Amino acid sequence: MENKSYDKILIATDGSINSEGAIDSGLEIARLSGAKVYALYVMAPTGFTLRGTQEAWVKEVYNELSKEGKEATEYIKQLGEDYGLEVEAVMLEGNPNEMIIDFADENEIDLIAMGTHGKTGLQKFLIGSVAEKVVRNSNKEVLVVRGPNPNPEVLKQKKEKIKEMVRSKQDVYKPNVSEKRDNFPNVR
C-alpha cells in the first residue's frame, strides 16, 4: 500500500461529541504528514425571515450558533497548535454539505475529516446526513469517523471543560487514553 501524504486537511465540525473522532484522526494525519489544517464550522440557515417579533429571536439563534462555531473551531485550533500544526479556524454560512465541498474545492484540500452520528433507517431518511452527502458529492478524499456513544454525564462535563478552556484560553483539555476508553467505549 502506498503511503499518502497530505498538504491540506479540512476538519469539519458541528461542535458535537460526534466530531471528536474526526478531530483526533484529522490532527494525527496532519501531524504525520505535516499538513496545514482548516477547522471548519458551517452555520446552517435558520429558515426564518427577519420580520416583526421574530427578528430578535433569529438574531439570538444566530449569535448562539456563532458562539458555538467559534468554540468548536478554536478547540481544534488549540489542539492542533499544541501538536505544532498550522491551523486556520473558518466559519461559513450556508448549507453544510455544499459549503464543505465548495471550501475543499476552492482551497485545494487533500482530505476532509468529519464525524457522523451513525444514524440509519428512518432517522437518517428524515434528517439526512451531511457526511453522506459530502462522501457522495465531493471529489476529495473523505474520512468519516463515527461518533462515540458516551455516558451523558461525561459528555456534559467534557463540553463544559471545552467551553471553559476556550473562554479562558487556558491549556487544552486532553483526555488520556484510559479516560477515553472508560468513558467512550467506541473510541480506541
C-alpha atoms as a PDB file:
ATOM      1  CA  MET A   1       0.000   0.000   0.000  1.00  0.00           C
ATOM      2  CA  GLU A   2       1.287   3.430  -0.956  1.00  0.00           C
ATOM      3  CA  ASN A   3       1.945   5.969   1.797  1.00  0.00           C
ATOM      4  CA  LYS A   4      -0.186   9.041   1.181  1.00  0.00           C
ATOM      5  CA  SER A   5       0.955  12.488   2.206  1.00  0.00           C
ATOM      6  CA  TYR A   6      -1.429  15.387   2.611  1.00  0.00           C
ATOM      7  CA  ASP A   7      -0.666  19.099   2.375  1.00  0.00           C
ATOM      8  CA  LYS A   8      -4.079  20.459   3.425  1.00  0.00           C
ATOM      9  CA  ILE A   9      -6.628  18.779   5.679  1.00  0.00           C
ATOM     10  CA  LEU A  10     -10.109  20.083   6.366  1.00  0.00           C
ATOM     11  CA  ILE A  11     -11.673  19.062   9.679  1.00  0.00           C
ATOM     12  CA  ALA A  12     -15.392  19.801   9.521  1.00  0.00           C
ATOM     13  CA  THR A  13     -17.048  20.117  12.908  1.00  0.00           C
ATOM     14  CA  ASP A  14     -20.552  20.727  14.168  1.00  0.00           C
ATOM     15  CA  GLY A  15     -19.310  21.234  17.719  1.00  0.00           C
ATOM     16  CA  SER A  16     -20.745  17.929  18.919  1.00  0.00           C
ATOM     17  CA  ILE A  17     -19.082  14.938  20.525  1.00  0.00           C
ATOM     18  CA  ASN A  18     -19.584  13.148  17.204  1.00  0.00           C
ATOM     19  CA  SER A  19     -16.789  15.301  15.774  1.00  0.00           C
ATOM     20  CA  GLU A  20     -14.221  14.158  18.353  1.00  0.00           C
ATOM     21  CA  GLY A  21     -13.007  11.087  16.463  1.00  0.00           C
ATOM     22  CA  ALA A  22     -12.647  13.061  13.245  1.00  0.00           C
ATOM     23  CA  ILE A  23     -10.753  15.800  15.088  1.00  0.00           C
ATOM     24  CA  ASP A  24      -8.336  13.281  16.623  1.00  0.00           C
ATOM     25  CA  SER A  25      -7.840  11.417  13.346  1.00  0.00           C
ATOM     26  CA  GLY A  26      -7.516  14.552  11.226  1.00  0.00           C
ATOM     27  CA  LEU A  27      -4.960  16.112  13.560  1.00  0.00           C
ATOM     28  CA  GLU A  28      -2.947  12.889  13.760  1.00  0.00           C
ATOM     29  CA  ILE A  29      -2.833  12.558   9.964  1.00  0.00           C
ATOM     30  CA  ALA A  30      -1.812  16.225   9.734  1.00  0.00           C
ATOM     31  CA  ARG A  31       0.920  15.673  12.322  1.00  0.00           C
ATOM     32  CA  LEU A  32       2.289  12.681  10.428  1.00  0.00           C
ATOM     33  CA  SER A  33       2.213  14.402   7.035  1.00  0.00           C
ATOM     34  CA  GLY A  34       2.987  17.979   8.094  1.00  0.00           C
ATOM     35  CA  ALA A  35      -0.286  19.252   6.602  1.00  0.00           C
ATOM     36  CA  LYS A  36      -1.951  22.577   7.256  1.00  0.00           C
ATOM     37  CA  VAL A  37      -5.333  22.133   8.957  1.00  0.00           C
ATOM     38  CA  TYR A  38      -8.523  24.059   8.345  1.00  0.00           C
ATOM     39  CA  ALA A  39     -11.086  23.796  11.165  1.00  0.00           C
ATOM     40  CA  LEU A  40     -14.455  24.475   9.526  1.00  0.00           C
ATOM     41  CA  TYR A  41     -17.832  25.143  11.128  1.00  0.00           C
ATOM     42  CA  VAL A  42     -20.824  25.868   8.901  1.00  0.00           C
ATOM     43  CA  MET A  43     -23.807  27.778  10.277  1.00  0.00           C
ATOM     44  CA  ALA A  44     -26.889  26.439   8.529  1.00  0.00           C
ATOM     45  CA  PRO A  45     -29.597  28.953   7.625  1.00  0.00           C
ATOM     46  CA  THR A  46     -32.355  29.162  10.219  1.00  0.00           C
ATOM     47  CA  GLY A  47     -35.128  29.214   7.608  1.00  0.00           C
ATOM     48  CA  PHE A  48     -36.844  32.155   9.293  1.00  0.00           C
ATOM     49  CA  THR A  49     -37.299  35.638   7.927  1.00  0.00           C
ATOM     50  CA  LEU A  50     -36.359  38.733   9.881  1.00  0.00           C
ATOM     51  CA  ARG A  51     -39.828  40.254  10.308  1.00  0.00           C
ATOM     52  CA  GLY A  52     -41.568  41.670  13.329  1.00  0.00           C
ATOM     53  CA  THR A  53     -41.269  39.821  16.611  1.00  0.00           C
ATOM     54  CA  GLN A  54     -39.160  37.013  15.160  1.00  0.00           C
ATOM     55  CA  GLU A  55     -36.259  39.343  14.417  1.00  0.00           C
ATOM     56  CA  ALA A  56     -34.894  39.302  17.983  1.00  0.00           C
ATOM     57  CA  TRP A  57     -35.288  35.524  18.219  1.00  0.00           C
ATOM     58  CA  VAL A  58     -33.479  34.923  14.890  1.00  0.00           C
ATOM     59  CA  LYS A  59     -30.639  37.201  15.968  1.00  0.00           C
ATOM     60  CA  GLU A  60     -30.351  35.291  19.239  1.00  0.00           C
ATOM     61  CA  VAL A  61     -30.175  31.955  17.385  1.00  0.00           C
ATOM     62  CA  TYR A  62     -27.584  33.411  15.009  1.00  0.00           C
ATOM     63  CA  ASN A  63     -25.474  34.697  17.906  1.00  0.00           C
ATOM     64  CA  GLU A  64     -25.681  31.319  19.677  1.00  0.00           C
ATOM     65  CA  LEU A  65     -24.617  29.454  16.513  1.00  0.00           C
ATOM     66  CA  SER A  66     -21.752  31.908  16.023  1.00  0.00           C
ATOM     67  CA  LYS A  67     -20.599  31.341  19.588  1.00  0.00           C
ATOM     68  CA  GLU A  68     -20.846  27.562  19.200  1.00  0.00           C
ATOM     69  CA  GLY A  69     -18.901  27.710  15.926  1.00  0.00           C
ATOM     70  CA  LYS A  70     -16.151  29.848  17.424  1.00  0.00           C
ATOM     71  CA  GLU A  71     -15.790  27.480  20.386  1.00  0.00           C
ATOM     72  CA  ALA A  72     -15.693  24.432  18.099  1.00  0.00           C
ATOM     73  CA  THR A  73     -13.099  25.834  15.694  1.00  0.00           C
ATOM     74  CA  GLU A  74     -10.949  27.352  18.453  1.00  0.00           C
ATOM     75  CA  TYR A  75     -10.918  23.972  20.211  1.00  0.00           C
ATOM     76  CA  ILE A  76      -9.474  22.344  17.081  1.00  0.00           C
ATOM     77  CA  LYS A  77      -7.054  25.228  16.581  1.00  0.00           C
ATOM     78  CA  GLN A  78      -5.720  24.943  20.134  1.00  0.00           C
ATOM     79  CA  LEU A  79      -5.348  21.156  19.913  1.00  0.00           C
ATOM     80  CA  GLY A  80      -3.549  21.449  16.576  1.00  0.00           C
ATOM     81  CA  GLU A  81      -1.227  24.182  17.771  1.00  0.00           C
ATOM     82  CA  ASP A  82      -0.313  22.007  20.767  1.00  0.00           C
ATOM     83  CA  TYR A  83       0.900  19.460  18.194  1.00  0.00           C
ATOM     84  CA  GLY A  84       2.876  22.165  16.400  1.00  0.00           C
ATOM     85  CA  LEU A  85       0.474  22.325  13.462  1.00  0.00           C
ATOM     86  CA  GLU A  86      -0.656  25.334  11.483  1.00  0.00           C
ATOM     87  CA  VAL A  87      -4.433  25.571  11.962  1.00  0.00           C
ATOM     88  CA  GLU A  88      -6.818  28.101  10.472  1.00  0.00           C
ATOM     89  CA  ALA A  89     -10.282  28.446  12.010  1.00  0.00           C
ATOM     90  CA  VAL A  90     -13.009  29.087   9.418  1.00  0.00           C
ATOM     91  CA  MET A  91     -16.710  29.811   9.879  1.00  0.00           C
ATOM     92  CA  LEU A  92     -19.104  29.880   6.939  1.00  0.00           C
ATOM     93  CA  GLU A  93     -22.860  30.271   6.495  1.00  0.00           C
ATOM     94  CA  GLY A  94     -24.985  28.108   4.239  1.00  0.00           C
ATOM     95  CA  ASN A  95     -25.899  24.525   3.510  1.00  0.00           C
ATOM     96  CA  PRO A  96     -23.286  22.480   5.436  1.00  0.00           C
ATOM     97  CA  ASN A  97     -22.574  19.770   2.854  1.00  0.00           C
ATOM     98  CA  GLU A  98     -22.395  22.285  -0.014  1.00  0.00           C
ATOM     99  CA  MET A  99     -20.161  24.667   1.930  1.00  0.00           C
ATOM    100  CA  ILE A 100     -17.787  21.859   2.978  1.00  0.00           C
ATOM    101  CA  ILE A 101     -17.455  20.642  -0.625  1.00  0.00           C
ATOM    102  CA  ASP A 102     -17.053  24.170  -2.049  1.00  0.00           C
ATOM    103  CA  PHE A 103     -14.464  25.142   0.568  1.00  0.00           C
ATOM    104  CA  ALA A 104     -12.486  21.946  -0.100  1.00  0.00           C
ATOM    105  CA  ASP A 105     -12.505  22.581  -3.856  1.00  0.00           C
ATOM    106  CA  GLU A 106     -11.650  26.286  -3.615  1.00  0.00           C
ATOM    107  CA  ASN A 107      -8.770  25.677  -1.186  1.00  0.00           C
ATOM    108  CA  GLU A 108      -7.334  22.544  -2.842  1.00  0.00           C
ATOM    109  CA  ILE A 109      -7.930  20.408   0.242  1.00  0.00           C
ATOM    110  CA  ASP A 110      -6.434  16.899   0.048  1.00  0.00           C
ATOM    111  CA  LEU A 111      -8.526  15.251   2.783  1.00  0.00           C
ATOM    112  CA  ILE A 112     -11.821  16.069   4.502  1.00  0.00           C
ATOM    113  CA  ALA A 113     -12.207  14.592   8.009  1.00  0.00           C
ATOM    114  CA  MET A 114     -15.646  14.650   9.594  1.00  0.00           C
ATOM    115  CA  GLY A 115     -17.742  12.835  12.130  1.00  0.00           C
ATOM    116  CA  THR A 116     -21.086  11.179  11.757  1.00  0.00           C
ATOM    117  CA  HIS A 117     -23.944  10.431  14.113  1.00  0.00           C
ATOM    118  CA  GLY A 118     -24.193   6.857  12.837  1.00  0.00           C
ATOM    119  CA  LYS A 119     -27.945   7.114  12.267  1.00  0.00           C
ATOM    120  CA  THR A 120     -29.610   4.597   9.980  1.00  0.00           C
ATOM    121  CA  GLY A 121     -33.032   3.824   8.572  1.00  0.00           C
ATOM    122  CA  LEU A 122     -35.870   6.262   9.171  1.00  0.00           C
ATOM    123  CA  GLN A 123     -33.809   8.666  11.321  1.00  0.00           C
ATOM    124  CA  LYS A 124     -31.252   9.034   8.524  1.00  0.00           C
ATOM    125  CA  PHE A 125     -34.004   9.439   5.924  1.00  0.00           C
ATOM    126  CA  LEU A 126     -35.767  12.144   7.924  1.00  0.00           C
ATOM    127  CA  ILE A 127     -32.759  14.262   8.888  1.00  0.00           C
ATOM    128  CA  GLY A 128     -30.278  13.327   6.173  1.00  0.00           C
ATOM    129  CA  SER A 129     -26.584  13.019   6.660  1.00  0.00           C
ATOM    130  CA  VAL A 130     -24.125  15.804   5.915  1.00  0.00           C
ATOM    131  CA  ALA A 131     -21.297  13.244   5.939  1.00  0.00           C
ATOM    132  CA  GLU A 132     -23.071  11.010   3.439  1.00  0.00           C
ATOM    133  CA  LYS A 133     -23.756  13.939   1.095  1.00  0.00           C
ATOM    134  CA  VAL A 134     -20.116  15.037   1.271  1.00  0.00           C
ATOM    135  CA  VAL A 135     -18.896  11.492   0.553  1.00  0.00           C
ATOM    136  CA  ARG A 136     -21.267  11.139  -2.406  1.00  0.00           C
ATOM    137  CA  ASN A 137     -20.668  14.562  -3.946  1.00  0.00           C
ATOM    138  CA  SER A 138     -17.076  15.560  -3.204  1.00  0.00           C
ATOM    139  CA  ASN A 139     -14.173  14.719  -5.468  1.00  0.00           C
ATOM    140  CA  LYS A 140     -11.847  14.850  -2.448  1.00  0.00           C
ATOM    141  CA  GLU A 141     -10.872  12.017  -0.148  1.00  0.00           C
ATOM    142  CA  VAL A 142     -13.224  11.933   2.850  1.00  0.00           C
ATOM    143  CA  LEU A 143     -12.506  10.308   6.198  1.00  0.00           C
ATOM    144  CA  VAL A 144     -15.736   9.723   8.147  1.00  0.00           C
ATOM    145  CA  VAL A 145     -15.389   8.744  11.798  1.00  0.00           C
ATOM    146  CA  ARG A 146     -18.419   7.507  13.673  1.00  0.00           C
ATOM    147  CA  GLY A 147     -19.049   9.372  16.896  1.00  0.00           C
ATOM    148  CA  PRO A 148     -18.913   7.599  20.242  1.00  0.00           C
ATOM    149  CA  ASN A 149     -21.914   6.771  22.369  1.00  0.00           C
ATOM    150  CA  PRO A 150     -20.703   8.384  25.605  1.00  0.00           C
ATOM    151  CA  ASN A 151     -22.050   8.419  29.098  1.00  0.00           C
ATOM    152  CA  PRO A 152     -24.323  11.541  29.164  1.00  0.00           C
ATOM    153  CA  GLU A 153     -22.781  12.857  32.400  1.00  0.00           C
ATOM    154  CA  VAL A 154     -19.237  12.532  31.000  1.00  0.00           C
ATOM    155  CA  LEU A 155     -20.356  14.263  27.805  1.00  0.00           C
ATOM    156  CA  LYS A 156     -21.794  17.167  29.810  1.00  0.00           C
ATOM    157  CA  GLN A 157     -18.582  17.504  31.848  1.00  0.00           C
ATOM    158  CA  LYS A 158     -16.365  17.413  28.754  1.00  0.00           C
ATOM    159  CA  LYS A 159     -18.437  20.040  26.925  1.00  0.00           C
ATOM    160  CA  GLU A 160     -18.208  22.307  29.979  1.00  0.00           C
ATOM    161  CA  LYS A 161     -14.417  21.861  30.111  1.00  0.00           C
ATOM    162  CA  ILE A 162     -14.155  22.724  26.414  1.00  0.00           C
ATOM    163  CA  LYS A 163     -16.273  25.861  26.831  1.00  0.00           C
ATOM    164  CA  GLU A 164     -14.290  26.914  29.884  1.00  0.00           C
ATOM    165  CA  MET A 165     -10.978  26.310  28.099  1.00  0.00           C
ATOM    166  CA  VAL A 166     -11.960  28.349  25.048  1.00  0.00           C
ATOM    167  CA  ARG A 167     -13.291  31.218  27.155  1.00  0.00           C
ATOM    168  CA  SER A 168     -10.244  31.407  29.368  1.00  0.00           C
ATOM    169  CA  LYS A 169      -7.627  30.443  26.748  1.00  0.00           C
ATOM    170  CA  GLN A 170      -6.117  28.019  29.253  1.00  0.00           C
ATOM    171  CA  ASP A 171      -4.233  24.878  28.365  1.00  0.00           C
ATOM    172  CA  VAL A 172      -6.178  22.478  26.207  1.00  0.00           C
ATOM    173  CA  TYR A 173      -8.004  19.656  27.925  1.00  0.00           C
ATOM    174  CA  LYS A 174      -6.634  16.374  26.576  1.00  0.00           C
ATOM    175  CA  PRO A 175      -8.190  13.196  27.906  1.00  0.00           C
ATOM    176  CA  ASN A 176      -5.686  10.435  28.448  1.00  0.00           C
ATOM    177  CA  VAL A 177      -6.088   7.129  26.638  1.00  0.00           C
ATOM    178  CA  SER A 178      -7.583   5.252  29.589  1.00  0.00           C
ATOM    179  CA  GLU A 179     -10.091   8.072  30.199  1.00  0.00           C
ATOM    180  CA  LYS A 180     -11.233   7.819  26.590  1.00  0.00           C
ATOM    181  CA  ARG A 181     -11.607   4.054  26.851  1.00  0.00           C
ATOM    182  CA  ASP A 182     -13.507   4.219  30.151  1.00  0.00           C
ATOM    183  CA  ASN A 183     -15.916   6.963  29.134  1.00  0.00           C
ATOM    184  CA  PHE A 184     -16.197   6.396  25.394  1.00  0.00           C
ATOM    185  CA  PRO A 185     -16.203   2.644  24.750  1.00  0.00           C
ATOM    186  CA  ASN A 186     -16.235   3.089  20.951  1.00  0.00           C
ATOM    187  CA  VAL A 187     -13.002   5.149  20.975  1.00  0.00           C
ATOM    188  CA  ARG A 188      -9.786   3.189  20.885  1.00  0.00           C
END
